[in-house]
Amino acid sequence: MTRRSYRDEADRLEQAGVGTMGSTDLSPELSPELSIVIPTLNERANMDPLVARLSDVLRDIAWEVIVVDDDSPDGTHEEVARLARSEPRLKCVRRVGRRGLSSAVIEGMLVARADVIAGMDADFQHDESKLPQMHCELLAQDADVVVGTRYADGGGVGDWARGRARMSAWANRLSRALIDHKTSDPVSGFFMIRREVLADALYDLSQQGYKILIDILTSSRRDLKVIEVPYVLRNRREGESKISLMVVAEFGFLLVDKLTRGLIPPRFVLFSMVGSLGLIVHLAALRLALGAGAEFVVAQTIATYVAMVSNYFVNNEFTYGDRKLRGLSLLKGLLLFMGVCSVGAIANVSVAELTMRSTQIWSLSGVAGAVMGAVFNFGASSAMVWNRRRACRD
């Protein structure tokens, strides 16, 4: 429905005695022109002022806002429910047992009613006053995607610390190479797309990490017309930044997934990197044990289990951060992980021995055994230790 027909319908309802929500508010029963998807985690304090601000800047557009909340401990979903009682264009999808910005945005987009869908954060860093311009430009230029960019003329990262600005610029350069420079800011979280763009890319989306735009751009099966609207990133209004080492790791997940076209599970790459780190831990523990006077077999056994414990906690924090185990489940998981790795060691040695008998090449045999052990440990750990359903229940 066009804006004009929407207005005509609203006028008809008002003349018929069916109340509308004011001269600039539009009935939620009629299809919106723009759906705005906002993923949240502990953003309760920002919701009231953000909804009020969106209502003001979008007064000439029929809109809806879909908040997708990852079961925030601060009760963000409760605040949205309270606000929705007086603002029917607002709705909340509460996700229990699931985390992740990209997957949250996709879930919100799938329930959106408008043919044009925007993604933005709840912390006021994205300039909501640009939404009408982005909507107008998308329609006027018949574009598929409008990117709110920080890296074109007129845009900027505000007063970010130098370290964070450099990290963002580095991620931006990597991402631009991956998408053949379709936009100056492929890692932007502030963008607008047509519904058919999502439908076209849906089954190829990685949904890894926090950078959903680059996921959509690289998953599309057709050449997209991408235009940009510059904006200056603002400081967060309330709450704390979600930037962490896990965010960086998940960005790496996404790049691996896209570069290998899904052939190599990104989580496996990080799992293997943690295993390599475990080798350093193993050697350090072995040296300390030998220095303390332990016999080699005893020292090797101690070092093996020290490395296992180290790998377990690092994997729990980073590789499986979205399924992180806590409390009693953390201890149970450790025992399971050590059991898995013990069987993996047997698989390692067995494959290495078979390869050696066949080829008589010790280096190839060693690599074959190591790969077999890594693949087994990763698959068994994912299924038995960090099983998503078990992690959700715990």
Foldseek 3Di string as FASTA:
>chain_A
DDLVVQVVVQVVCVVVVNDDDDDQAGDPVDFWQEEEEEEDAPLQVLPPVVVVVLCVLCSSGRYAYEYEYAQHPVPNQVSQVVVCVVVVSYDYHYHFLFDAQLVSRLVRLVPHRHQKYKYDYRQCQDPSNCVVVQSVCCVVVVFFKEAADQPDPPHHAPPDDPVVVVVQQVLQVLLCVLLVNLDSRQQGRTMMGGSVLCVQQVVQAPSFANRNSSSSSLRHPDDGGYHYDYYYGDDGDDDDDPDDVQRVLRSQQRSVCSVVVNPDRSLLVVLVVLVVVLVVQLVVQLVVCVVVPDDNVVSNVVSVLRSLQSSLVVCLCHSLVRLHDDDPLSVVLSVQLVVQLVVLLVQLVVQLVVVCVVPVDNVVSNVRSVVSSSVSSVVSSCVPNRPSVVSSVD
